[in-house]
Amino acid sequence: LAHELRWEVLEAVSKTGGHLSSSLGVIELTVALHYVFDMPEDDIIWDVSHQCYPHKILTGRRDKMSGLRQLGGISGFCKRKE
């Protein structure tokens, strides 16, 4: 799963730009948090909100990552309304 998430993040950021190192740095942590906690019932507060790309992928927004940081697309930061 971590390997798949890495490629998803790399693919999205390579097309639209974004925060690569911070997202790659929390891949394993994100997988562990999703394993231990009940998402989306339990809240996660990210140290830096642009660490949330793997979380967005795991919470049903994978298909929206192609519009990352684009007008009308998914935000490059955490947004509760997404």
C-alpha atoms as a PDB file:
ATOM      1  CA  LEU A   1       0.000   0.000   0.000  1.00  0.00           C
ATOM      2  CA  ALA A   2       2.804   2.431   0.872  1.00  0.00           C
ATOM      3  CA  HIS A   3       4.469   1.781  -2.479  1.00  0.00           C
ATOM      4  CA  GLU A   4       1.189   2.444  -4.304  1.00  0.00           C
ATOM      5  CA  LEU A   5       0.623   5.673  -2.371  1.00  0.00           C
ATOM      6  CA  ARG A   6       4.137   6.870  -3.194  1.00  0.00           C
ATOM      7  CA  TRP A   7       3.481   6.457  -6.905  1.00  0.00           C
ATOM      8  CA  GLU A   8       0.077   8.150  -6.667  1.00  0.00           C
ATOM      9  CA  VAL A   9       1.617  11.167  -4.905  1.00  0.00           C
ATOM     10  CA  LEU A  10       4.541  11.306  -7.359  1.00  0.00           C
ATOM     11  CA  GLU A  11       2.192  11.132 -10.327  1.00  0.00           C
ATOM     12  CA  ALA A  12      -0.117  13.878  -9.042  1.00  0.00           C
ATOM     13  CA  VAL A  13       2.681  16.249  -8.027  1.00  0.00           C
ATOM     14  CA  SER A  14       4.625  15.702 -11.252  1.00  0.00           C
ATOM     15  CA  LYS A  15       1.606  16.899 -13.250  1.00  0.00           C
ATOM     16  CA  THR A  16       0.353  19.811 -11.179  1.00  0.00           C
ATOM     17  CA  GLY A  17       3.124  20.705  -8.754  1.00  0.00           C
ATOM     18  CA  GLY A  18       2.781  20.536  -5.025  1.00  0.00           C
ATOM     19  CA  HIS A  19       4.469  19.512  -1.829  1.00  0.00           C
ATOM     20  CA  LEU A  20       6.349  16.334  -2.608  1.00  0.00           C
ATOM     21  CA  SER A  21       8.819  15.707   0.216  1.00  0.00           C
ATOM     22  CA  SER A  22       6.401  16.393   3.064  1.00  0.00           C
ATOM     23  CA  SER A  23       3.821  14.023   1.572  1.00  0.00           C
ATOM     24  CA  LEU A  24       6.352  11.285   0.845  1.00  0.00           C
ATOM     25  CA  GLY A  25       7.720  11.630   4.368  1.00  0.00           C
ATOM     26  CA  VAL A  26       4.431  10.627   5.969  1.00  0.00           C
ATOM     27  CA  ILE A  27       3.331   7.727   3.746  1.00  0.00           C
ATOM     28  CA  GLU A  28       3.975   4.969   6.304  1.00  0.00           C
ATOM     29  CA  LEU A  29       2.647   7.135   9.135  1.00  0.00           C
ATOM     30  CA  THR A  30      -0.574   7.756   7.192  1.00  0.00           C
ATOM     31  CA  VAL A  31      -1.072   4.051   6.492  1.00  0.00           C
ATOM     32  CA  ALA A  32      -0.509   3.274  10.191  1.00  0.00           C
ATOM     33  CA  LEU A  33      -2.947   5.979  11.312  1.00  0.00           C
ATOM     34  CA  HIS A  34      -5.613   4.641   8.982  1.00  0.00           C
ATOM     35  CA  TYR A  35      -5.029   1.123  10.276  1.00  0.00           C
ATOM     36  CA  VAL A  36      -5.273   2.115  13.948  1.00  0.00           C
ATOM     37  CA  PHE A  37      -7.966   4.786  13.868  1.00  0.00           C
ATOM     38  CA  ASP A  38     -11.496   4.839  12.473  1.00  0.00           C
ATOM     39  CA  MET A  39     -11.404   7.202   9.525  1.00  0.00           C
ATOM     40  CA  PRO A  40     -13.265   9.488   8.955  1.00  0.00           C
ATOM     41  CA  GLU A  41     -14.807   9.326  12.445  1.00  0.00           C
ATOM     42  CA  ASP A  42     -11.478  10.041  14.157  1.00  0.00           C
ATOM     43  CA  ASP A  43      -9.818  13.349  13.351  1.00  0.00           C
ATOM     44  CA  ILE A  44      -6.200  13.715  12.301  1.00  0.00           C
ATOM     45  CA  ILE A  45      -4.395  16.994  12.801  1.00  0.00           C
ATOM     46  CA  TRP A  46      -1.374  17.254  10.529  1.00  0.00           C
ATOM     47  CA  ASP A  47       1.736  19.113  11.688  1.00  0.00           C
ATOM     48  CA  VAL A  48       1.924  20.741   8.263  1.00  0.00           C
ATOM     49  CA  SER A  49      -1.244  20.522   6.228  1.00  0.00           C
ATOM     50  CA  HIS A  50       0.503  19.726   2.959  1.00  0.00           C
ATOM     51  CA  GLN A  51       1.385  16.330   4.456  1.00  0.00           C
ATOM     52  CA  CYS A  52      -2.177  15.241   3.745  1.00  0.00           C
ATOM     53  CA  TYR A  53      -1.888  14.027   0.116  1.00  0.00           C
ATOM     54  CA  PRO A  54      -1.668  10.314   1.112  1.00  0.00           C
ATOM     55  CA  HIS A  55      -4.581  10.825   3.508  1.00  0.00           C
ATOM     56  CA  LYS A  56      -6.676  12.352   0.729  1.00  0.00           C
ATOM     57  CA  ILE A  57      -5.958   9.350  -1.492  1.00  0.00           C
ATOM     58  CA  LEU A  58      -6.942   6.881   1.249  1.00  0.00           C
ATOM     59  CA  THR A  59     -10.160   8.724   2.068  1.00  0.00           C
ATOM     60  CA  GLY A  60     -11.810   8.418  -1.315  1.00  0.00           C
ATOM     61  CA  ARG A  61     -10.297  11.347  -3.180  1.00  0.00           C
ATOM     62  CA  ARG A  62      -7.878   9.369  -5.339  1.00  0.00           C
ATOM     63  CA  ASP A  63      -9.764  10.219  -8.529  1.00  0.00           C
ATOM     64  CA  LYS A  64      -9.538  13.944  -7.713  1.00  0.00           C
ATOM     65  CA  MET A  65      -5.746  14.007  -7.296  1.00  0.00           C
ATOM     66  CA  SER A  66      -5.272  14.760 -10.999  1.00  0.00           C
ATOM     67  CA  GLY A  67      -6.796  18.174 -10.254  1.00  0.00           C
ATOM     68  CA  LEU A  68      -4.504  18.834  -7.298  1.00  0.00           C
ATOM     69  CA  ARG A  69      -3.942  22.580  -6.809  1.00  0.00           C
ATOM     70  CA  GLN A  70      -5.880  23.384  -9.989  1.00  0.00           C
ATOM     71  CA  LEU A  71      -8.828  25.756 -10.321  1.00  0.00           C
ATOM     72  CA  GLY A  72     -11.891  23.803  -9.243  1.00  0.00           C
ATOM     73  CA  GLY A  73      -9.722  20.869  -8.161  1.00  0.00           C
ATOM     74  CA  ILE A  74      -8.637  19.420  -4.849  1.00  0.00           C
ATOM     75  CA  SER A  75      -6.669  21.661  -2.497  1.00  0.00           C
ATOM     76  CA  GLY A  76      -2.956  21.281  -1.856  1.00  0.00           C
ATOM     77  CA  PHE A  77      -3.710  21.695   1.833  1.00  0.00           C
ATOM     78  CA  CYS A  78      -6.188  20.198   4.296  1.00  0.00           C
ATOM     79  CA  LYS A  79      -9.738  21.453   3.897  1.00  0.00           C
ATOM     80  CA  ARG A  80     -12.515  20.091   6.087  1.00  0.00           C
ATOM     81  CA  LYS A  81     -15.150  20.650   3.401  1.00  0.00           C
ATOM     82  CA  GLU A  82     -13.408  18.389   0.868  1.00  0.00           C
END
